[in-house]
Protein backbone atom coordinates (compact mmCIF):
# COMPACT_ATOMS: atom_id res chain seq x y z
CA MET A 1 42.00 -24.13 50.69
CA PRO A 2 45.76 -24.80 50.43
CA GLN A 3 46.75 -28.33 49.50
CA PRO A 4 49.85 -30.25 50.61
CA ASP A 5 53.14 -29.73 48.82
CA ARG A 6 53.17 -32.14 45.87
CA GLY A 7 56.89 -31.86 45.27
CA ARG A 8 59.07 -30.72 42.44
CA LYS A 9 58.59 -33.89 40.41
CA THR A 10 54.84 -33.38 40.31
CA ALA A 11 55.32 -29.76 39.26
CA PHE A 12 57.73 -30.87 36.54
CA TYR A 13 55.36 -33.53 35.20
CA TYR A 14 52.52 -31.02 35.27
CA ALA A 15 54.51 -28.46 33.26
CA LEU A 16 55.58 -30.79 30.44
CA PRO A 17 52.39 -30.57 28.31
CA ALA A 18 52.76 -26.79 28.19
CA MET A 19 55.81 -27.28 25.98
CA ALA A 20 53.86 -29.30 23.42
CA ALA A 21 50.87 -26.96 23.58
CA ALA A 22 53.11 -23.96 22.87
CA VAL A 23 54.79 -25.38 19.75
CA PRO A 24 51.86 -24.53 17.42
CA THR A 25 51.48 -21.04 18.89
CA ILE A 26 53.66 -19.34 16.27
CA PRO A 27 52.09 -21.01 13.23
CA ALA A 28 48.53 -20.75 14.57
CA TYR A 29 48.64 -17.06 15.43
CA VAL A 30 51.52 -15.66 13.37
CA LEU A 31 52.17 -17.81 10.30
CA LEU A 32 48.85 -19.46 9.41
CA PRO A 33 46.88 -16.24 8.68
CA SER A 34 49.37 -15.14 6.04
CA TYR A 35 49.97 -18.77 4.94
CA TYR A 36 46.31 -19.39 4.12
CA GLY A 37 45.60 -15.84 2.99
CA ASP A 38 48.69 -15.27 0.83
CA ASP A 39 50.63 -18.49 0.13
CA LEU A 40 47.59 -20.75 -0.38
CA GLY A 41 45.66 -18.02 -2.20
CA LEU A 42 42.57 -17.92 0.03
CA GLY A 43 42.81 -14.13 0.32
CA LEU A 44 43.60 -12.01 3.35
CA ALA A 45 40.07 -10.65 3.73
CA LEU A 46 38.39 -14.08 3.62
CA THR A 47 41.05 -15.65 5.87
CA GLY A 48 40.70 -12.88 8.44
CA ALA A 49 36.90 -13.11 8.42
CA ILE A 50 36.93 -16.90 8.87
CA LEU A 51 39.47 -16.82 11.69
CA LEU A 52 37.51 -14.07 13.41
CA ALA A 53 34.30 -16.12 13.21
CA VAL A 54 36.00 -19.28 14.44
CA ARG A 55 37.60 -17.57 17.41
CA ILE A 56 34.42 -15.79 18.40
CA ILE A 57 32.58 -19.12 18.40
CA ASP A 58 35.49 -20.69 20.28
CA MET A 59 35.35 -18.02 22.97
CA LEU A 60 31.80 -19.02 23.86
CA THR A 61 33.04 -22.45 24.95
CA ASP A 62 35.59 -21.13 27.46
CA PRO A 63 33.25 -20.16 30.32
CA LEU A 64 31.30 -23.39 29.92
CA ALA A 65 34.50 -25.48 29.96
CA GLY A 66 35.73 -23.69 33.07
CA TRP A 67 32.41 -23.97 34.88
CA LEU A 68 32.00 -27.67 34.03
CA SER A 69 35.54 -28.29 35.22
CA ASP A 70 34.70 -26.62 38.54
CA TYR A 71 31.29 -28.25 38.87
CA THR A 72 32.36 -31.81 38.06
CA GLY A 73 35.59 -31.51 40.01
CA ARG A 74 37.42 -33.38 37.25
CA ARG A 75 40.36 -31.73 35.50
CA LYS A 76 42.12 -34.85 34.21
CA ILE A 77 39.37 -36.22 31.98
CA TRP A 78 38.78 -32.84 30.31
CA VAL A 79 42.50 -32.31 29.68
CA GLY A 80 42.89 -35.72 28.03
CA PHE A 81 39.75 -35.36 25.92
CA GLY A 82 40.75 -31.88 24.77
CA ALA A 83 44.26 -33.00 23.84
CA VAL A 84 42.91 -35.70 21.51
CA ILE A 85 40.55 -33.27 19.74
CA ALA A 86 43.29 -30.65 19.44
CA GLY A 87 45.64 -33.20 17.85
CA ILE A 88 43.07 -33.98 15.16
CA GLY A 89 42.49 -30.29 14.49
CA ILE A 90 46.20 -29.49 14.29
CA TRP A 91 46.79 -32.08 11.58
CA MET A 92 43.77 -30.93 9.55
CA LEU A 93 44.69 -27.26 9.81
CA PHE A 94 48.47 -27.52 9.43
CA VAL A 95 48.44 -30.12 6.63
CA PRO A 96 45.71 -28.83 4.28
CA PRO A 97 44.90 -30.06 0.77
CA ASP A 98 46.60 -28.37 -2.17
CA GLN A 99 43.82 -25.84 -2.68
CA PRO A 100 41.90 -25.52 0.58
CA GLY A 101 38.66 -23.61 0.54
CA GLY A 102 37.11 -21.48 3.20
CA GLY A 103 35.12 -24.47 4.46
CA HIS A 104 38.27 -26.45 5.22
CA LEU A 105 39.81 -23.54 7.13
CA PHE A 106 36.61 -23.03 9.15
CA VAL A 107 36.10 -26.70 10.09
CA SER A 108 39.73 -27.53 10.88
CA ALA A 109 40.30 -24.33 12.87
CA SER A 110 37.06 -24.93 14.80
CA ILE A 111 38.16 -28.44 15.79
CA LEU A 112 41.60 -27.22 16.85
CA PHE A 113 40.34 -24.34 18.98
CA LEU A 114 37.64 -26.48 20.61
CA GLY A 115 40.28 -29.02 21.60
CA TRP A 116 42.56 -26.27 22.85
CA THR A 117 39.78 -24.91 25.05
CA LEU A 118 38.89 -28.28 26.55
CA PHE A 119 42.58 -28.86 27.27
CA GLN A 120 43.81 -25.46 28.33
CA VAL A 121 41.14 -24.20 30.71
CA PRO A 122 41.11 -27.27 33.01
CA TYR A 123 44.89 -27.51 32.66
CA LEU A 124 45.42 -24.00 34.01
CA ALA A 125 42.94 -24.59 36.84
CA TRP A 126 44.63 -27.93 37.60
CA GLY A 127 47.86 -26.10 38.33
CA ALA A 128 46.11 -23.92 40.90
CA ASP A 129 44.61 -27.04 42.51
CA LEU A 130 47.98 -28.71 43.05
CA SER A 131 49.00 -26.43 45.89
CA GLY A 132 47.70 -23.48 47.85
CA ASP A 133 51.15 -22.56 49.15
CA TYR A 134 52.35 -19.26 47.72
CA ARG A 135 55.89 -20.42 46.91
CA GLU A 136 54.77 -23.81 45.63
CA ARG A 137 52.27 -22.13 43.32
CA THR A 138 55.03 -19.86 42.05
CA LEU A 139 57.16 -22.91 41.27
CA ILE A 140 54.32 -24.63 39.43
CA THR A 141 53.45 -21.53 37.40
CA SER A 142 57.05 -20.69 36.53
CA LEU A 143 57.75 -24.23 35.34
CA ARG A 144 54.59 -24.22 33.22
CA GLU A 145 55.32 -20.85 31.61
CA GLY A 146 58.99 -21.75 31.16
CA ALA A 147 58.06 -24.99 29.41
CA GLY A 148 55.68 -23.05 27.18
CA LEU A 149 58.41 -20.61 26.19
CA ILE A 150 60.74 -23.50 25.38
CA GLY A 151 58.05 -24.86 23.09
CA ILE A 152 57.72 -21.49 21.39
CA VAL A 153 61.47 -21.23 20.86
CA ILE A 154 61.56 -24.77 19.45
CA ALA A 155 58.82 -23.77 17.04
CA GLY A 156 60.78 -20.68 16.07
CA ALA A 157 64.02 -22.61 15.67
CA ILE A 158 62.64 -25.29 13.36
CA PRO A 159 62.13 -22.94 10.37
CA VAL A 160 65.61 -21.50 10.96
CA VAL A 161 67.12 -24.97 10.91
CA MET A 162 65.05 -25.94 7.84
CA MET A 163 66.48 -23.04 5.85
CA ASN A 164 65.76 -24.48 2.41
CA ALA A 165 62.38 -25.98 3.25
CA SER A 166 59.09 -24.58 2.03
CA ARG A 167 56.61 -22.97 4.40
CA ALA A 168 54.33 -26.00 3.96
CA ASP A 169 57.12 -28.40 5.06
CA GLU A 170 57.92 -26.22 8.07
CA ILE A 171 54.31 -26.15 9.25
CA ARG A 172 53.90 -29.89 8.67
CA THR A 173 57.00 -30.56 10.80
CA LEU A 174 55.62 -28.39 13.58
CA ALA A 175 52.33 -30.29 13.47
CA MET A 176 54.05 -33.67 13.72
CA MET A 177 56.24 -32.52 16.60
CA THR A 178 53.22 -31.14 18.47
CA ILE A 179 51.20 -34.33 18.12
CA VAL A 180 54.04 -36.67 19.14
CA ALA A 181 55.21 -34.53 22.08
CA GLY A 182 51.64 -33.91 23.18
CA ALA A 183 50.81 -37.61 23.21
CA VAL A 184 53.85 -38.38 25.36
CA PHE A 185 53.60 -35.44 27.78
CA VAL A 186 49.84 -35.59 28.32
CA THR A 187 50.10 -39.31 29.05
CA ILE A 188 52.78 -38.58 31.66
CA LEU A 189 50.57 -35.85 33.12
CA ILE A 190 47.55 -38.13 33.45
CA ILE A 191 49.56 -40.96 35.02
CA LYS A 192 51.88 -38.99 37.31
CA VAL A 193 49.93 -35.92 38.46
CA PRO A 194 47.06 -36.31 40.93
CA ASP A 195 43.74 -34.70 40.10
CA SER A 196 43.48 -32.63 43.27
CA ALA A 197 40.05 -31.31 42.31
CA ALA A 198 38.60 -34.83 42.23
CA ARG A 199 37.48 -35.19 45.82
CA PRO A 200 34.19 -34.82 47.68
CA GLY A 201 32.96 -31.26 47.85
CA ARG A 202 35.51 -29.92 45.42
CA GLY A 203 34.02 -28.01 42.53
CA ARG A 204 30.83 -27.18 44.40
CA THR A 205 31.14 -23.43 44.55
CA ALA A 206 28.78 -21.24 46.53
CA ASP A 207 26.54 -20.70 43.53
CA THR A 208 26.43 -24.39 42.55
CA GLN A 209 25.17 -25.65 45.89
CA GLN A 210 21.67 -24.31 45.48
CA ALA A 211 19.10 -27.07 45.54
CA GLY A 212 16.43 -26.99 42.87
CA VAL A 213 18.36 -24.64 40.58
CA SER A 214 19.04 -25.85 37.04
CA LEU A 215 22.60 -26.23 35.76
CA ARG A 216 21.96 -23.54 33.20
CA ALA A 217 20.79 -21.11 35.88
CA ARG A 218 23.79 -21.89 38.07
CA PHE A 219 26.18 -21.36 35.17
CA THR A 220 24.56 -18.02 34.28
CA GLN A 221 24.53 -16.86 37.90
CA SER A 222 28.20 -17.73 38.31
CA LEU A 223 29.15 -15.56 35.32
CA ARG A 224 26.92 -12.68 36.34
CA SER A 225 28.29 -12.54 39.85
CA LEU A 226 31.81 -12.08 38.51
CA ARG A 227 30.83 -8.62 37.29
CA GLN A 228 30.77 -7.54 40.92
CA ASN A 229 34.48 -8.27 41.22
CA ARG A 230 35.72 -4.90 40.04
CA LEU A 231 39.38 -5.85 40.38
CA PHE A 232 38.87 -8.83 38.09
CA VAL A 233 36.97 -6.77 35.52
CA ARG A 234 39.63 -4.05 35.56
CA LEU A 235 42.51 -6.49 35.16
CA LEU A 236 40.64 -8.42 32.47
CA ALA A 237 40.00 -5.23 30.49
CA ALA A 238 43.67 -4.21 30.65
CA TRP A 239 44.70 -7.76 29.70
CA MET A 240 42.46 -7.68 26.64
CA ILE A 241 43.59 -4.23 25.50
CA ASN A 242 47.24 -5.17 25.87
CA GLY A 243 46.51 -8.51 24.19
CA LEU A 244 45.09 -6.71 21.18
CA ALA A 245 48.13 -4.43 21.18
CA GLY A 246 50.33 -7.52 21.04
CA GLY A 247 48.10 -9.46 18.65
CA LEU A 248 48.14 -6.85 15.87
CA PRO A 249 51.94 -6.94 15.44
CA ALA A 250 51.90 -10.75 15.72
CA VAL A 251 49.40 -11.12 12.88
CA CYS A 252 51.16 -8.52 10.75
CA PHE A 253 54.72 -9.65 11.49
CA PRO A 254 55.24 -11.84 8.39
CA LEU A 255 53.53 -9.26 6.16
CA PHE A 256 55.61 -6.42 7.60
CA VAL A 257 58.86 -8.30 7.03
CA ARG A 258 57.85 -9.42 3.54
CA TYR A 259 56.23 -6.32 2.08
CA TYR A 260 57.61 -3.37 4.07
CA LEU A 261 61.15 -4.48 4.91
CA LYS A 262 61.35 -6.72 1.80
CA LEU A 263 63.34 -9.41 3.61
CA ASP A 264 63.45 -13.11 2.78
CA THR A 265 61.78 -15.95 4.67
CA ASP A 266 64.99 -17.08 6.38
CA THR A 267 65.50 -13.61 7.84
CA GLU A 268 61.86 -13.53 8.91
CA ASN A 269 62.29 -16.84 10.77
CA ALA A 270 65.47 -15.61 12.46
CA LEU A 271 63.72 -12.42 13.61
CA ILE A 272 60.80 -14.40 15.06
CA LEU A 273 63.26 -16.59 16.95
CA LEU A 274 65.14 -13.51 18.21
CA TYR A 275 61.87 -12.03 19.45
CA PHE A 276 60.99 -15.05 21.60
CA VAL A 277 64.54 -15.62 22.84
CA ALA A 278 64.49 -12.02 24.08
CA ALA A 279 61.24 -12.77 25.90
CA ILE A 280 62.79 -15.77 27.69
CA ALA A 281 65.97 -13.88 28.57
CA ALA A 282 64.01 -10.97 30.05
CA ILE A 283 61.70 -12.96 32.33
CA PRO A 284 64.22 -13.35 35.20
CA PHE A 285 64.75 -9.59 35.13
CA TRP A 286 61.02 -8.85 35.33
CA VAL A 287 60.58 -11.38 38.14
CA PHE A 288 63.48 -9.80 40.05
CA LEU A 289 62.05 -6.34 39.54
CA ALA A 290 58.60 -7.51 40.65
CA GLY A 291 60.19 -8.60 43.93
CA LYS A 292 61.25 -5.00 44.54
CA ILE A 293 58.15 -3.08 43.45
CA SER A 294 54.52 -3.96 42.74
CA LYS A 295 53.87 -6.42 39.91
CA HIS A 296 51.40 -4.14 38.19
CA ARG A 297 53.94 -1.30 38.11
CA VAL A 298 56.59 -3.57 36.59
CA TRP A 299 54.11 -4.65 33.93
CA CYS A 300 53.46 -0.99 33.13
CA VAL A 301 57.21 -0.34 32.83
CA ALA A 302 57.45 -3.19 30.32
CA MET A 303 54.55 -1.81 28.30
CA ILE A 304 56.21 1.62 28.27
CA MET A 305 59.35 -0.02 26.89
CA ALA A 306 57.33 -1.68 24.14
CA VAL A 307 55.67 1.62 23.26
CA SER A 308 59.08 3.28 22.99
CA ALA A 309 60.33 0.53 20.67
CA PHE A 310 57.25 0.64 18.41
CA ALA A 311 57.72 4.40 18.04
CA PHE A 312 60.80 3.75 15.87
CA VAL A 313 59.03 1.43 13.41
CA PRO A 314 57.88 4.20 11.00
CA PHE A 315 61.53 5.24 10.58
CA LEU A 316 62.56 1.85 9.17
CA SER A 317 63.13 1.39 5.45
CA ALA A 318 63.36 -1.57 3.10
CA GLY A 319 66.22 -3.89 3.96
CA ASP A 320 66.74 -2.45 7.45
CA TRP A 321 66.93 -5.81 9.21
CA ALA A 322 69.38 -4.59 11.87
CA GLY A 323 67.15 -1.78 13.05
CA PHE A 324 64.15 -4.06 13.13
CA ALA A 325 66.16 -6.67 15.03
CA VAL A 326 66.77 -4.13 17.81
CA ILE A 327 63.04 -3.41 17.92
CA CYS A 328 62.36 -7.16 18.12
CA VAL A 329 64.71 -7.45 21.09
CA PHE A 330 62.96 -4.72 23.09
CA THR A 331 59.41 -5.71 22.17
CA GLY A 332 60.31 -9.35 22.83
CA ALA A 333 61.67 -8.43 26.26
CA ALA A 334 58.40 -6.64 26.98
CA LEU A 335 56.56 -9.80 25.92
CA GLY A 336 58.40 -11.61 28.72
CA ALA A 337 56.64 -9.35 31.22
CA ASP A 338 53.30 -9.87 29.44
CA LEU A 339 53.72 -13.63 29.91
CA ALA A 340 55.03 -13.67 33.48
CA LEU A 341 53.29 -10.86 35.35
CA PRO A 342 49.59 -10.61 34.40
CA PRO A 343 48.88 -14.27 35.30
CA ALA A 344 50.52 -13.65 38.68
CA ILE A 345 48.30 -10.62 39.22
CA GLN A 346 45.34 -12.75 38.14
CA ALA A 347 46.23 -15.28 40.87
CA ASP A 348 46.08 -12.46 43.43
CA VAL A 349 42.68 -11.43 42.09
CA ASP A 350 41.53 -15.06 42.33
CA ASP A 351 42.35 -15.01 46.05
CA TRP A 352 40.38 -11.78 46.39
CA ASP A 353 37.45 -13.39 44.61
CA ARG A 354 37.52 -16.31 47.07
CA TYR A 355 37.64 -13.94 50.02
CA ARG A 356 35.03 -11.46 48.85
CA PHE A 357 32.43 -13.80 47.33
CA HIS A 358 32.98 -17.01 49.34
CA ALA A 359 33.27 -19.04 46.13
CA SER A 360 35.84 -21.41 44.66
CA ARG A 361 35.63 -20.87 40.91
CA THR A 362 39.20 -21.02 39.69
CA GLY A 363 38.17 -22.77 36.48
CA VAL A 364 35.68 -20.05 35.56
CA LEU A 365 38.20 -17.29 36.23
CA PHE A 366 40.85 -18.97 34.12
CA ALA A 367 38.26 -19.62 31.42
CA LEU A 368 37.38 -15.93 31.18
CA TRP A 369 41.08 -15.08 31.22
CA ASN A 370 41.65 -17.51 28.36
CA MET A 371 38.58 -16.26 26.51
CA THR A 372 39.76 -12.66 26.70
CA ASN A 373 43.12 -13.60 25.24
CA LYS A 374 41.37 -15.38 22.37
CA LEU A 375 39.13 -12.38 21.78
CA ALA A 376 42.16 -10.12 21.51
CA MET A 377 43.81 -12.40 18.94
CA ALA A 378 40.54 -12.79 17.03
CA LEU A 379 40.08 -9.04 16.84
CA ALA A 380 43.69 -8.64 15.75
CA ALA A 381 43.20 -10.97 12.78
CA GLY A 382 39.70 -9.66 12.07
CA ILE A 383 40.88 -6.05 12.05
CA ALA A 384 44.29 -6.28 10.40
CA LEU A 385 43.84 -8.76 7.57
CA PRO A 386 40.62 -7.41 6.03
CA ILE A 387 41.94 -3.83 6.13
CA LEU A 388 45.23 -4.80 4.53
CA GLY A 389 43.38 -6.92 1.99
CA ALA A 390 41.12 -3.97 1.14
CA PHE A 391 44.21 -1.82 0.59
CA GLY A 392 45.61 -4.46 -1.76
CA LEU A 393 48.79 -5.12 0.21
CA THR A 394 49.54 -8.44 -1.51
CA ASP A 395 48.85 -6.95 -4.95
CA GLY A 396 52.14 -5.08 -4.91
CA GLY A 397 52.95 -1.40 -4.92
CA ASP A 398 55.91 0.79 -4.11
CA GLU A 399 57.12 1.74 -0.67
CA ASN A 400 54.96 4.89 -0.60
CA SER A 401 51.70 3.08 -1.26
CA ALA A 402 48.69 3.48 0.96
CA ALA A 403 48.84 -0.24 1.74
CA LEU A 404 52.27 0.07 3.33
CA ILE A 405 51.17 3.10 5.32
CA ALA A 406 48.20 1.12 6.59
CA LEU A 407 50.54 -1.75 7.47
CA VAL A 408 52.74 0.53 9.59
CA MET A 409 49.71 2.04 11.30
CA ILE A 410 48.32 -1.37 12.26
CA TYR A 411 51.67 -2.93 13.14
CA ALA A 412 53.06 -0.12 15.33
CA VAL A 413 50.91 2.99 15.77
CA LEU A 414 47.67 1.37 16.92
CA PRO A 415 49.51 -0.85 19.45
CA ILE A 416 51.09 2.28 20.94
CA VAL A 417 47.65 3.79 21.53
CA LEU A 418 46.25 0.56 22.99
CA LYS A 419 49.17 -0.04 25.33
CA ALA A 420 48.90 3.53 26.59
CA GLY A 421 45.31 2.75 27.58
CA ALA A 422 46.34 -0.44 29.39
CA ILE A 423 49.06 1.45 31.25
CA GLY A 424 46.51 4.00 32.40
CA MET A 425 44.26 1.23 33.75
CA MET A 426 46.99 -0.65 35.62
CA TRP A 427 49.31 2.03 36.99
CA ARG A 428 47.18 2.58 40.11
CA PHE A 429 45.85 -0.97 40.47
CA PRO A 430 44.91 -1.23 44.16
CA LEU A 431 45.83 -4.87 44.88
CA ASP A 432 49.47 -4.75 45.96
CA ARG A 433 51.62 -7.02 48.13
CA VAL A 434 50.38 -5.66 51.46
CA HIS A 435 46.73 -6.24 50.57
CA GLN A 436 47.50 -9.68 49.16
CA VAL A 437 49.20 -10.86 52.33
CA ALA A 438 46.24 -9.69 54.40
CA ILE A 439 43.77 -11.51 52.12
CA ARG A 440 45.72 -14.77 52.28
CA ARG A 441 45.87 -14.63 56.08
CA ARG A 442 42.11 -14.22 56.25
CA LEU A 443 41.57 -17.04 53.76
CA ALA A 444 43.78 -19.30 55.87
CA ARG A 445 41.34 -18.89 58.77
CA ARG A 446 38.28 -19.64 56.69
CA THR A 447 36.70 -22.80 55.31
CA PHE A 448 34.17 -22.88 52.46
């Protein structure tokens, strides 16, 4: 149930690691696929297949990490352990040997994503543990997401500042910054922020209190029972579909700029930075709008805006950086809603889960949320890169080649179709403000 107000300083200390964790987001999901597949000569098809395999394996660890975090009632130890593993993986993946093979990509990426899972899932659940107050939770979440966006912008700004540096030097710099900042901020987190889950009775959900039931059976039962939460399943499905719709352009972004628009690396870096700056600038607007109408409707409006912007992509031609910059502004603004609103809706669904099923399983819910996001990004890389490799995109060809047509289809047309499906799922989502207030009042009168 709700915890005491921990204060703004605690919320600030809690949010700091999100900045360091977000710095490698751009290279890990946007730059590294094309860097390994094209620049390092590993091949797009092989790179896409390896990243797909790694992320599928990685997804299997999310529910277990979330459940163990709930069951043990210890967030802090998992966060620290995961941060150390992630730091090792980042250096191995971002600073590869001169001619890395598929084995190096598989091992280093596996270590990185395992560390990310062990850090991120308990970290997200830790934020929910800090306070049960609605406004205090909003403060904690907004600071965390804001810090993450700052980290993303820093990552986008570094290549712009290092205009004459090679891609390898840019990625190495990002790795060093992530490791140093992560070491400092995670240490502050562990020292300054209380582990609110670490107290008697915490982490013993309704399905983990059964005497004589094995841990494996409890874990399986916890996951199976979540299928009965139709609101969670519906939101999770829309989140995954929209995540795939956002992941495809992210994976293809460097390839689209390089091979379709025929722009240089400096322009590519500037466009990436513009995209994320637009996301940050738009978040206050989406939050304001969500205060006037339902959050799920505002999210749908943002997705409609993104669909409208993607519709103009096929009309671009080589060298049209200005037109593409406008598209980046609108799709980036829509990304701001993707970052701010779905997690807030997820928090509402978490309250519903507590009310309906008499269980405290925040870690498991955040784990499945995190796993779905990973699945979307894995599918994006696994779909886009092998197809473009099969069409011989990096082998050259004129602007009318089948490879460039396939690139446009994957970058813009398929996301339009996917986002339309997510809009259809969320437009009439039944959990609005009125229902949420009623649920919270009932939870306030109940003890687990």
